[in-house]
Each structure stands twice: as structure tokens, then as C-alpha cells.
């Protein structure tokens, strides 16, 4: 019988679906990539904004109890903001020196 002990239920194993941690992880990965690749300033600025957006969505999911990785989502917000700021600063520096 579905959902009986030892058999998968409607969402996989008994207990329902697990936490939805994808947005927090995506925010952290994209945020770190933007901070590391800031020398590619147009790409890093886009990645930084995406890191902040994904991290914010992941943080909201963690606050509602749908995810369990609030720290990773916060890391995505911080790294994304730092990466975007570095990219914008480098872009301004390069454009004004040309």
C-alpha cells in the first residue's frame, strides 16, 4: 500500500516532501560566482543581482518554514551584493579611464 511503512508515499518516502532549498543554494552559488568573477564586470553585475534575488527568495522560504538553509540564502545575498558592487565599481573605473 502506498505510504505504508517501507514503501514510498505520494511524495517519495513517508513524511511528505523535504525542504525546498534550491533557491538558497542557487543564490549562494551565483553570489559567490559574481564575487569571484568581478573582473568580468558586465557578467558579474548580472550574477550579483541574480544572487541577491535568489537569496532573498530562499530567505523568505526559510522564514516560512519551507526551506532549512537560511544561512546559505543570506550568504547569497551578501556575496551577490558585494560582487555587484565590485563589478559596478570596476566598470565605472574602466569607463572613466578610457
PDB file of N, CA and C in Angstrom:
ATOM      1  N   UNK A   1       0.831  -1.184   0.000  1.00  0.00           N
ATOM      2  CA  UNK A   1       0.000   0.000   0.000  1.00  0.00           C
ATOM      3  C   UNK A   1       0.878   1.250   0.000  1.00  0.00           C
ATOM      4  N   UNK A   2       0.545   2.259  -0.822  1.00  0.00           N
ATOM      5  CA  UNK A   2       1.344   3.487  -0.843  1.00  0.00           C
ATOM      6  C   UNK A   2       1.307   4.194   0.506  1.00  0.00           C
ATOM      7  N   UNK A   3       2.457   4.595   0.972  1.00  0.00           N
ATOM      8  CA  UNK A   3       2.549   5.319   2.231  1.00  0.00           C
ATOM      9  C   UNK A   3       2.699   4.418   3.434  1.00  0.00           C
ATOM     10  N   UNK A   4       2.595   3.091   3.242  1.00  0.00           N
ATOM     11  CA  UNK A   4       2.788   2.178   4.358  1.00  0.00           C
ATOM     12  C   UNK A   4       4.262   2.133   4.723  1.00  0.00           C
ATOM     13  N   UNK A   5       4.552   1.574   5.865  1.00  0.00           N
ATOM     14  CA  UNK A   5       5.936   1.542   6.350  1.00  0.00           C
ATOM     15  C   UNK A   5       6.823   0.819   5.348  1.00  0.00           C
ATOM     16  N   UNK A   6       7.890   1.501   4.908  1.00  0.00           N
ATOM     17  CA  UNK A   6       8.854   0.898   3.999  1.00  0.00           C
ATOM     18  C   UNK A   6       8.556   1.113   2.530  1.00  0.00           C
ATOM     19  N   UNK A   7       7.392   1.681   2.222  1.00  0.00           N
ATOM     20  CA  UNK A   7       7.037   1.925   0.836  1.00  0.00           C
ATOM     21  C   UNK A   7       6.885   3.426   0.610  1.00  0.00           C
ATOM     22  N   UNK A   8       7.305   3.897  -0.563  1.00  0.00           N
ATOM     23  CA  UNK A   8       7.189   5.342  -0.829  1.00  0.00           C
ATOM     24  C   UNK A   8       5.750   5.821  -0.790  1.00  0.00           C
ATOM     25  N   UNK A   9       5.561   6.994  -0.228  1.00  0.00           N
ATOM     26  CA  UNK A   9       4.245   7.616  -0.199  1.00  0.00           C
ATOM     27  C   UNK A   9       4.035   8.445  -1.454  1.00  0.00           C
ATOM     28  N   UNK A  10       3.046   9.325  -1.447  1.00  0.00           N
ATOM     29  CA  UNK A  10       2.748  10.108  -2.646  1.00  0.00           C
ATOM     30  C   UNK A  10       3.858  11.091  -3.017  1.00  0.00           C
ATOM     31  N   UNK A  11       4.690  11.506  -2.075  1.00  0.00           N
ATOM     32  CA  UNK A  11       5.761  12.457  -2.359  1.00  0.00           C
ATOM     33  C   UNK A  11       7.132  11.824  -2.158  1.00  0.00           C
ATOM     34  N   UNK A  12       7.257  10.539  -2.353  1.00  0.00           N
ATOM     35  CA  UNK A  12       8.529   9.878  -2.111  1.00  0.00           C
ATOM     36  C   UNK A  12       8.406   9.033  -0.857  1.00  0.00           C
ATOM     37  N   UNK A  13       9.246   9.261   0.105  1.00  0.00           N
ATOM     38  CA  UNK A  13       9.235   8.480   1.339  1.00  0.00           C
ATOM     39  C   UNK A  13       8.242   9.056   2.328  1.00  0.00           C
ATOM     40  N   UNK A  14       7.825   8.254   3.278  1.00  0.00           N
ATOM     41  CA  UNK A  14       6.841   8.742   4.252  1.00  0.00           C
ATOM     42  C   UNK A  14       7.294  10.023   4.939  1.00  0.00           C
ATOM     43  N   UNK A  15       6.361  10.892   5.172  1.00  0.00           N
ATOM     44  CA  UNK A  15       6.685  12.166   5.801  1.00  0.00           C
ATOM     45  C   UNK A  15       6.520  13.332   4.840  1.00  0.00           C
ATOM     46  N   UNK A  16       6.195  13.054   3.585  1.00  0.00           N
ATOM     47  CA  UNK A  16       5.971  14.126   2.629  1.00  0.00           C
ATOM     48  C   UNK A  16       7.249  14.626   1.999  1.00  0.00           C
ATOM     49  N   UNK A  17       7.162  15.774   1.381  1.00  0.00           N
ATOM     50  CA  UNK A  17       8.291  16.351   0.671  1.00  0.00           C
ATOM     51  C   UNK A  17       9.285  16.958   1.650  1.00  0.00           C
ATOM     52  N   UNK A  18      10.545  16.950   1.273  1.00  0.00           N
ATOM     53  CA  UNK A  18      11.590  17.546   2.095  1.00  0.00           C
ATOM     54  C   UNK A  18      11.640  19.044   1.907  1.00  0.00           C
ATOM     55  N   UNK A  19      12.600  19.700   2.543  1.00  0.00           N
ATOM     56  CA  UNK A  19      12.695  21.157   2.419  1.00  0.00           C
ATOM     57  C   UNK A  19      13.077  21.576   1.000  1.00  0.00           C
ATOM     58  N   UNK A  20      12.599  22.717   0.607  1.00  0.00           N
ATOM     59  CA  UNK A  20      12.849  23.270  -0.728  1.00  0.00           C
ATOM     60  C   UNK A  20      14.027  24.240  -0.639  1.00  0.00           C
ATOM     61  N   UNK A  21      15.243  23.712  -0.719  1.00  0.00           N
ATOM     62  CA  UNK A  21      16.448  24.511  -0.507  1.00  0.00           C
ATOM     63  C   UNK A  21      17.089  25.021  -1.790  1.00  0.00           C
ATOM     64  N   UNK A  22      16.462  24.834  -2.928  1.00  0.00           N
ATOM     65  CA  UNK A  22      17.082  25.173  -4.202  1.00  0.00           C
ATOM     66  C   UNK A  22      17.405  26.645  -4.381  1.00  0.00           C
ATOM     67  N   UNK A  23      16.509  27.522  -3.971  1.00  0.00           N
ATOM     68  CA  UNK A  23      16.741  28.957  -4.182  1.00  0.00           C
ATOM     69  C   UNK A  23      17.879  29.475  -3.314  1.00  0.00           C
ATOM     70  N   UNK A  24      17.985  29.006  -2.085  1.00  0.00           N
ATOM     71  CA  UNK A  24      19.080  29.433  -1.222  1.00  0.00           C
ATOM     72  C   UNK A  24      20.424  28.983  -1.756  1.00  0.00           C
ATOM     73  N   UNK A  25      20.488  27.744  -2.224  1.00  0.00           N
ATOM     74  CA  UNK A  25      21.732  27.219  -2.789  1.00  0.00           C
ATOM     75  C   UNK A  25      22.083  27.964  -4.076  1.00  0.00           C
ATOM     76  N   UNK A  26      21.092  28.191  -4.930  1.00  0.00           N
ATOM     77  CA  UNK A  26      21.337  28.917  -6.176  1.00  0.00           C
ATOM     78  C   UNK A  26      21.817  30.335  -5.891  1.00  0.00           C
ATOM     79  N   UNK A  27      21.217  30.995  -4.910  1.00  0.00           N
ATOM     80  CA  UNK A  27      21.653  32.339  -4.553  1.00  0.00           C
ATOM     81  C   UNK A  27      23.081  32.363  -4.066  1.00  0.00           C
ATOM     82  N   UNK A  28      23.456  31.376  -3.244  1.00  0.00           N
ATOM     83  CA  UNK A  28      24.823  31.328  -2.732  1.00  0.00           C
ATOM     84  C   UNK A  28      25.821  31.066  -3.858  1.00  0.00           C
ATOM     85  N   UNK A  29      25.523  30.107  -4.744  1.00  0.00           N
ATOM     86  CA  UNK A  29      26.445  29.771  -5.826  1.00  0.00           C
ATOM     87  C   UNK A  29      26.613  30.944  -6.779  1.00  0.00           C
ATOM     88  N   UNK A  30      25.514  31.561  -7.169  1.00  0.00           N
ATOM     89  CA  UNK A  30      25.578  32.684  -8.109  1.00  0.00           C
ATOM     90  C   UNK A  30      26.238  33.894  -7.446  1.00  0.00           C
ATOM     91  N   UNK A  31      25.959  34.122  -6.158  1.00  0.00           N
ATOM     92  CA  UNK A  31      26.593  35.232  -5.441  1.00  0.00           C
ATOM     93  C   UNK A  31      28.094  35.062  -5.329  1.00  0.00           C
ATOM     94  N   UNK A  32      28.549  33.851  -5.008  1.00  0.00           N
ATOM     95  CA  UNK A  32      29.993  33.600  -4.930  1.00  0.00           C
ATOM     96  C   UNK A  32      30.623  33.748  -6.302  1.00  0.00           C
ATOM     97  N   UNK A  33      29.955  33.260  -7.343  1.00  0.00           N
ATOM     98  CA  UNK A  33      30.491  33.406  -8.698  1.00  0.00           C
ATOM     99  C   UNK A  33      30.627  34.877  -9.081  1.00  0.00           C
ATOM    100  N   UNK A  34      29.679  35.705  -8.689  1.00  0.00           N
ATOM    101  CA  UNK A  34      29.770  37.128  -9.032  1.00  0.00           C
ATOM    102  C   UNK A  34      30.911  37.805  -8.279  1.00  0.00           C
ATOM    103  N   UNK A  35      31.146  37.389  -7.033  1.00  0.00           N
ATOM    104  CA  UNK A  35      32.237  37.989  -6.264  1.00  0.00           C
ATOM    105  C   UNK A  35      33.593  37.549  -6.802  1.00  0.00           C
ATOM    106  N   UNK A  36      33.689  36.304  -7.253  1.00  0.00           N
ATOM    107  CA  UNK A  36      34.963  35.796  -7.764  1.00  0.00           C
ATOM    108  C   UNK A  36      35.242  36.334  -9.163  1.00  0.00           C
ATOM    109  N   UNK A  37      34.225  36.460  -9.979  1.00  0.00           N
ATOM    110  CA  UNK A  37      34.396  36.870 -11.374  1.00  0.00           C
ATOM    111  C   UNK A  37      34.132  38.359 -11.578  1.00  0.00           C
ATOM    112  N   UNK A  38      34.402  39.187 -10.572  1.00  0.00           N
ATOM    113  CA  UNK A  38      34.076  40.607 -10.710  1.00  0.00           C
ATOM    114  C   UNK A  38      34.877  41.283 -11.811  1.00  0.00           C
ATOM    115  N   UNK A  39      36.017  40.709 -12.213  1.00  0.00           N
ATOM    116  CA  UNK A  39      36.804  41.317 -13.294  1.00  0.00           C
ATOM    117  C   UNK A  39      36.075  41.223 -14.638  1.00  0.00           C
ATOM    118  N   UNK A  40      35.136  40.302 -14.771  1.00  0.00           N
ATOM    119  CA  UNK A  40      34.249  40.264 -15.931  1.00  0.00           C
ATOM    120  C   UNK A  40      32.999  41.069 -15.569  1.00  0.00           C
ATOM    121  N   UNK A  41      33.169  42.375 -15.430  1.00  0.00           N
ATOM    122  CA  UNK A  41      32.200  43.223 -14.750  1.00  0.00           C
ATOM    123  C   UNK A  41      30.787  43.208 -15.309  1.00  0.00           C
ATOM    124  N   UNK A  42      30.546  43.110 -16.627  1.00  0.00           N
ATOM    125  CA  UNK A  42      29.129  43.051 -17.044  1.00  0.00           C
ATOM    126  C   UNK A  42      28.442  41.767 -16.568  1.00  0.00           C
ATOM    127  N   UNK A  43      29.146  40.652 -16.690  1.00  0.00           N
ATOM    128  CA  UNK A  43      28.595  39.374 -16.240  1.00  0.00           C
ATOM    129  C   UNK A  43      28.454  39.343 -14.726  1.00  0.00           C
ATOM    130  N   UNK A  44      29.443  39.853 -14.013  1.00  0.00           N
ATOM    131  CA  UNK A  44      29.412  39.833 -12.553  1.00  0.00           C
ATOM    132  C   UNK A  44      28.282  40.699 -12.002  1.00  0.00           C
ATOM    133  N   UNK A  45      27.980  41.794 -12.655  1.00  0.00           N
ATOM    134  CA  UNK A  45      26.874  42.643 -12.195  1.00  0.00           C
ATOM    135  C   UNK A  45      25.540  41.903 -12.323  1.00  0.00           C
ATOM    136  N   UNK A  46      25.357  41.201 -13.435  1.00  0.00           N
ATOM    137  CA  UNK A  46      24.124  40.433 -13.635  1.00  0.00           C
ATOM    138  C   UNK A  46      24.044  39.293 -12.625  1.00  0.00           C
ATOM    139  N   UNK A  47      25.159  38.571 -12.445  1.00  0.00           N
ATOM    140  CA  UNK A  47      25.186  37.468 -11.483  1.00  0.00           C
ATOM    141  C   UNK A  47      24.951  37.967 -10.056  1.00  0.00           C
ATOM    142  N   UNK A  48      25.481  39.141  -9.736  1.00  0.00           N
ATOM    143  CA  UNK A  48      25.275  39.701  -8.404  1.00  0.00           C
ATOM    144  C   UNK A  48      23.816  40.006  -8.127  1.00  0.00           C
ATOM    145  N   UNK A  49      23.147  40.588  -9.103  1.00  0.00           N
ATOM    146  CA  UNK A  49      21.719  40.884  -8.942  1.00  0.00           C
ATOM    147  C   UNK A  49      20.926  39.580  -8.808  1.00  0.00           C
ATOM    148  N   UNK A  50      21.272  38.580  -9.615  1.00  0.00           N
ATOM    149  CA  UNK A  50      20.594  37.286  -9.513  1.00  0.00           C
ATOM    150  C   UNK A  50      20.853  36.624  -8.167  1.00  0.00           C
ATOM    151  N   UNK A  51      22.070  36.764  -7.643  1.00  0.00           N
ATOM    152  CA  UNK A  51      22.383  36.207  -6.332  1.00  0.00           C
ATOM    153  C   UNK A  51      21.551  36.844  -5.229  1.00  0.00           C
ATOM    154  N   UNK A  52      21.373  38.151  -5.313  1.00  0.00           N
ATOM    155  CA  UNK A  52      20.546  38.842  -4.317  1.00  0.00           C
ATOM    156  C   UNK A  52      19.086  38.423  -4.438  1.00  0.00           C
ATOM    157  N   UNK A  53      18.588  38.304  -5.654  1.00  0.00           N
ATOM    158  CA  UNK A  53      17.188  37.923  -5.860  1.00  0.00           C
ATOM    159  C   UNK A  53      16.942  36.497  -5.386  1.00  0.00           C
ATOM    160  N   UNK A  54      17.796  35.551  -5.833  1.00  0.00           N
ATOM    161  CA  UNK A  54      17.616  34.154  -5.423  1.00  0.00           C
ATOM    162  C   UNK A  54      17.798  33.998  -3.918  1.00  0.00           C
ATOM    163  N   UNK A  55      18.770  34.695  -3.352  1.00  0.00           N
ATOM    164  CA  UNK A  55      18.978  34.631  -1.913  1.00  0.00           C
ATOM    165  C   UNK A  55      17.797  35.179  -1.135  1.00  0.00           C
ATOM    166  N   UNK A  56      17.194  36.248  -1.624  1.00  0.00           N
ATOM    167  CA  UNK A  56      16.025  36.822  -0.951  1.00  0.00           C
ATOM    168  C   UNK A  56      14.836  35.875  -0.999  1.00  0.00           C
ATOM    169  N   UNK A  57      14.641  35.235  -2.142  1.00  0.00           N
ATOM    170  CA  UNK A  57      13.548  34.267  -2.253  1.00  0.00           C
ATOM    171  C   UNK A  57      13.813  33.078  -1.333  1.00  0.00           C
ATOM    172  N   UNK A  58      15.050  32.599  -1.309  1.00  0.00           N
ATOM    173  CA  UNK A  58      15.394  31.486  -0.425  1.00  0.00           C
ATOM    174  C   UNK A  58      15.264  31.845   1.039  1.00  0.00           C
ATOM    175  N   UNK A  59      15.617  33.071   1.393  1.00  0.00           N
ATOM    176  CA  UNK A  59      15.479  33.514   2.786  1.00  0.00           C
ATOM    177  C   UNK A  59      14.002  33.593   3.189  1.00  0.00           C
ATOM    178  N   UNK A  60      13.154  34.059   2.266  1.00  0.00           N
ATOM    179  CA  UNK A  60      11.717  34.113   2.555  1.00  0.00           C
ATOM    180  C   UNK A  60      11.143  32.706   2.728  1.00  0.00           C
ATOM    181  N   UNK A  61      11.611  31.757   1.903  1.00  0.00           N
ATOM    182  CA  UNK A  61      11.157  30.373   2.057  1.00  0.00           C
ATOM    183  C   UNK A  61      11.595  29.806   3.403  1.00  0.00           C
ATOM    184  N   UNK A  62      12.812  30.125   3.823  1.00  0.00           N
ATOM    185  CA  UNK A  62      13.297  29.646   5.116  1.00  0.00           C
ATOM    186  C   UNK A  62      12.504  30.273   6.258  1.00  0.00           C
ATOM    187  N   UNK A  63      12.136  31.522   6.121  1.00  0.00           N
ATOM    188  CA  UNK A  63      11.345  32.196   7.154  1.00  0.00           C
ATOM    189  C   UNK A  63       9.957  31.575   7.273  1.00  0.00           C
ATOM    190  N   UNK A  64       9.391  31.122   6.143  1.00  0.00           N
ATOM    191  CA  UNK A  64       8.072  30.478   6.162  1.00  0.00           C
ATOM    192  C   UNK A  64       8.145  29.017   6.587  1.00  0.00           C
ATOM    193  N   UNK A  65       9.345  28.469   6.702  1.00  0.00           N
ATOM    194  CA  UNK A  65       9.500  27.081   7.102  1.00  0.00           C
ATOM    195  C   UNK A  65       9.530  26.104   5.945  1.00  0.00           C
ATOM    196  N   UNK A  66       9.565  26.597   4.720  1.00  0.00           N
ATOM    197  CA  UNK A  66       9.600  25.727   3.546  1.00  0.00           C
ATOM    198  C   UNK A  66      11.014  25.264   3.224  1.00  0.00           C
ATOM    199  N   UNK A  67      12.029  25.929   3.747  1.00  0.00           N
ATOM    200  CA  UNK A  67      13.432  25.592   3.489  1.00  0.00           C
ATOM    201  C   UNK A  67      14.179  25.598   4.813  1.00  0.00           C
ATOM    202  N   UNK A  68      15.340  24.978   4.802  1.00  0.00           N
ATOM    203  CA  UNK A  68      16.123  24.881   6.040  1.00  0.00           C
ATOM    204  C   UNK A  68      17.515  25.470   5.897  1.00  0.00           C
ATOM    205  N   UNK A  69      17.725  26.335   4.915  1.00  0.00           N
ATOM    206  CA  UNK A  69      19.060  26.872   4.677  1.00  0.00           C
ATOM    207  C   UNK A  69      19.068  28.401   4.634  1.00  0.00           C
ATOM    208  N   UNK A  70      18.633  29.004   5.701  1.00  0.00           N
ATOM    209  CA  UNK A  70      18.596  30.467   5.761  1.00  0.00           C
ATOM    210  C   UNK A  70      20.001  31.055   5.689  1.00  0.00           C
ATOM    211  N   UNK A  71      20.986  30.362   6.238  1.00  0.00           N
ATOM    212  CA  UNK A  71      22.363  30.854   6.200  1.00  0.00           C
ATOM    213  C   UNK A  71      22.930  30.886   4.796  1.00  0.00           C
ATOM    214  N   UNK A  72      22.654  29.863   4.007  1.00  0.00           N
ATOM    215  CA  UNK A  72      23.118  29.856   2.631  1.00  0.00           C
ATOM    216  C   UNK A  72      22.439  30.949   1.819  1.00  0.00           C
ATOM    217  N   UNK A  73      21.174  31.172   2.066  1.00  0.00           N
ATOM    218  CA  UNK A  73      20.465  32.238   1.360  1.00  0.00           C
ATOM    219  C   UNK A  73      21.036  33.604   1.739  1.00  0.00           C
ATOM    220  N   UNK A  74      21.365  33.793   3.013  1.00  0.00           N
ATOM    221  CA  UNK A  74      21.974  35.055   3.436  1.00  0.00           C
ATOM    222  C   UNK A  74      23.351  35.231   2.814  1.00  0.00           C
ATOM    223  N   UNK A  75      24.111  34.145   2.702  1.00  0.00           N
ATOM    224  CA  UNK A  75      25.415  34.213   2.029  1.00  0.00           C
ATOM    225  C   UNK A  75      25.253  34.617   0.571  1.00  0.00           C
ATOM    226  N   UNK A  76      24.198  34.143  -0.080  1.00  0.00           N
ATOM    227  CA  UNK A  76      23.918  34.541  -1.459  1.00  0.00           C
ATOM    228  C   UNK A  76      23.606  36.013  -1.576  1.00  0.00           C
ATOM    229  N   UNK A  77      22.848  36.546  -0.608  1.00  0.00           N
ATOM    230  CA  UNK A  77      22.523  37.973  -0.627  1.00  0.00           C
ATOM    231  C   UNK A  77      23.790  38.804  -0.431  1.00  0.00           C
ATOM    232  N   UNK A  78      24.605  38.432   0.544  1.00  0.00           N
ATOM    233  CA  UNK A  78      25.814  39.208   0.845  1.00  0.00           C
ATOM    234  C   UNK A  78      26.821  39.122  -0.294  1.00  0.00           C
ATOM    235  N   UNK A  79      27.120  37.903  -0.752  1.00  0.00           N
ATOM    236  CA  UNK A  79      28.107  37.741  -1.829  1.00  0.00           C
ATOM    237  C   UNK A  79      27.616  38.370  -3.128  1.00  0.00           C
ATOM    238  N   UNK A  80      26.319  38.263  -3.402  1.00  0.00           N
ATOM    239  CA  UNK A  80      25.778  38.889  -4.602  1.00  0.00           C
ATOM    240  C   UNK A  80      25.887  40.404  -4.557  1.00  0.00           C
ATOM    241  N   UNK A  81      25.606  40.993  -3.394  1.00  0.00           N
ATOM    242  CA  UNK A  81      25.714  42.447  -3.262  1.00  0.00           C
ATOM    243  C   UNK A  81      27.160  42.902  -3.381  1.00  0.00           C
ATOM    244  N   UNK A  82      28.067  42.171  -2.757  1.00  0.00           N
ATOM    245  CA  UNK A  82      29.490  42.525  -2.846  1.00  0.00           C
ATOM    246  C   UNK A  82      29.991  42.371  -4.279  1.00  0.00           C
ATOM    247  N   UNK A  83      29.622  41.267  -4.934  1.00  0.00           N
ATOM    248  CA  UNK A  83      30.044  41.053  -6.317  1.00  0.00           C
ATOM    249  C   UNK A  83      29.501  42.111  -7.261  1.00  0.00           C
ATOM    250  N   UNK A  84      28.235  42.473  -7.079  1.00  0.00           N
ATOM    251  CA  UNK A  84      27.648  43.515  -7.932  1.00  0.00           C
ATOM    252  C   UNK A  84      28.308  44.862  -7.679  1.00  0.00           C
ATOM    253  N   UNK A  85      28.593  45.170  -6.411  1.00  0.00           N
ATOM    254  CA  UNK A  85      29.248  46.447  -6.093  1.00  0.00           C
ATOM    255  C   UNK A  85      30.658  46.500  -6.679  1.00  0.00           C
ATOM    256  N   UNK A  86      31.404  45.403  -6.567  1.00  0.00           N
ATOM    257  CA  UNK A  86      32.748  45.366  -7.152  1.00  0.00           C
ATOM    258  C   UNK A  86      32.692  45.503  -8.674  1.00  0.00           C
ATOM    259  N   UNK A  87      31.723  44.832  -9.296  1.00  0.00           N
ATOM    260  CA  UNK A  87      31.592  44.902 -10.745  1.00  0.00           C
ATOM    261  C   UNK A  87      31.238  46.314 -11.204  1.00  0.00           C
ATOM    262  N   UNK A  88      30.317  46.945 -10.502  1.00  0.00           N
ATOM    263  CA  UNK A  88      29.936  48.316 -10.875  1.00  0.00           C
ATOM    264  C   UNK A  88      31.111  49.266 -10.667  1.00  0.00           C
ATOM    265  N   UNK A  89      31.835  49.102  -9.564  1.00  0.00           N
ATOM    266  CA  UNK A  89      32.994  49.964  -9.306  1.00  0.00           C
ATOM    267  C   UNK A  89      34.067  49.784 -10.379  1.00  0.00           C
ATOM    268  N   UNK A  90      34.327  48.542 -10.762  1.00  0.00           N
ATOM    269  CA  UNK A  90      35.324  48.287 -11.803  1.00  0.00           C
ATOM    270  C   UNK A  90      34.844  48.831 -13.143  1.00  0.00           C
ATOM    271  N   UNK A  91      33.548  48.666 -13.450  1.00  0.00           N
ATOM    272  CA  UNK A  91      33.013  49.203 -14.695  1.00  0.00           C
ATOM    273  C   UNK A  91      33.122  50.717 -14.754  1.00  0.00           C
ATOM    274  N   UNK A  92      32.809  51.402 -13.657  1.00  0.00           N
ATOM    275  CA  UNK A  92      32.926  52.861 -13.611  1.00  0.00           C
ATOM    276  C   UNK A  92      34.383  53.282 -13.769  1.00  0.00           C
ATOM    277  N   UNK A  93      35.273  52.564 -13.108  1.00  0.00           N
ATOM    278  CA  UNK A  93      36.701  52.863 -13.210  1.00  0.00           C
ATOM    279  C   UNK A  93      37.202  52.704 -14.634  1.00  0.00           C
ATOM    280  N   UNK A  94      36.821  51.628 -15.288  1.00  0.00           N
ATOM    281  CA  UNK A  94      37.276  51.390 -16.657  1.00  0.00           C
ATOM    282  C   UNK A  94      36.676  52.387 -17.637  1.00  0.00           C
ATOM    283  N   UNK A  95      35.429  52.760 -17.452  1.00  0.00           N
ATOM    284  CA  UNK A  95      34.784  53.687 -18.384  1.00  0.00           C
ATOM    285  C   UNK A  95      35.347  55.096 -18.203  1.00  0.00           C
ATOM    286  N   UNK A  96      35.600  55.515 -16.974  1.00  0.00           N
ATOM    287  CA  UNK A  96      36.121  56.864 -16.763  1.00  0.00           C
ATOM    288  C   UNK A  96      37.582  56.993 -17.164  1.00  0.00           C
ATOM    289  N   UNK A  97      38.326  55.896 -17.192  1.00  0.00           N
ATOM    290  CA  UNK A  97      39.740  55.954 -17.581  1.00  0.00           C
ATOM    291  C   UNK A  97      39.924  55.862 -19.090  1.00  0.00           C
ATOM    292  N   UNK A  98      38.886  55.543 -19.828  1.00  0.00           N
ATOM    293  CA  UNK A  98      39.011  55.368 -21.275  1.00  0.00           C
ATOM    294  C   UNK A  98      39.051  56.673 -22.003  1.00  0.00           C
TER     295      UNK A  98
END
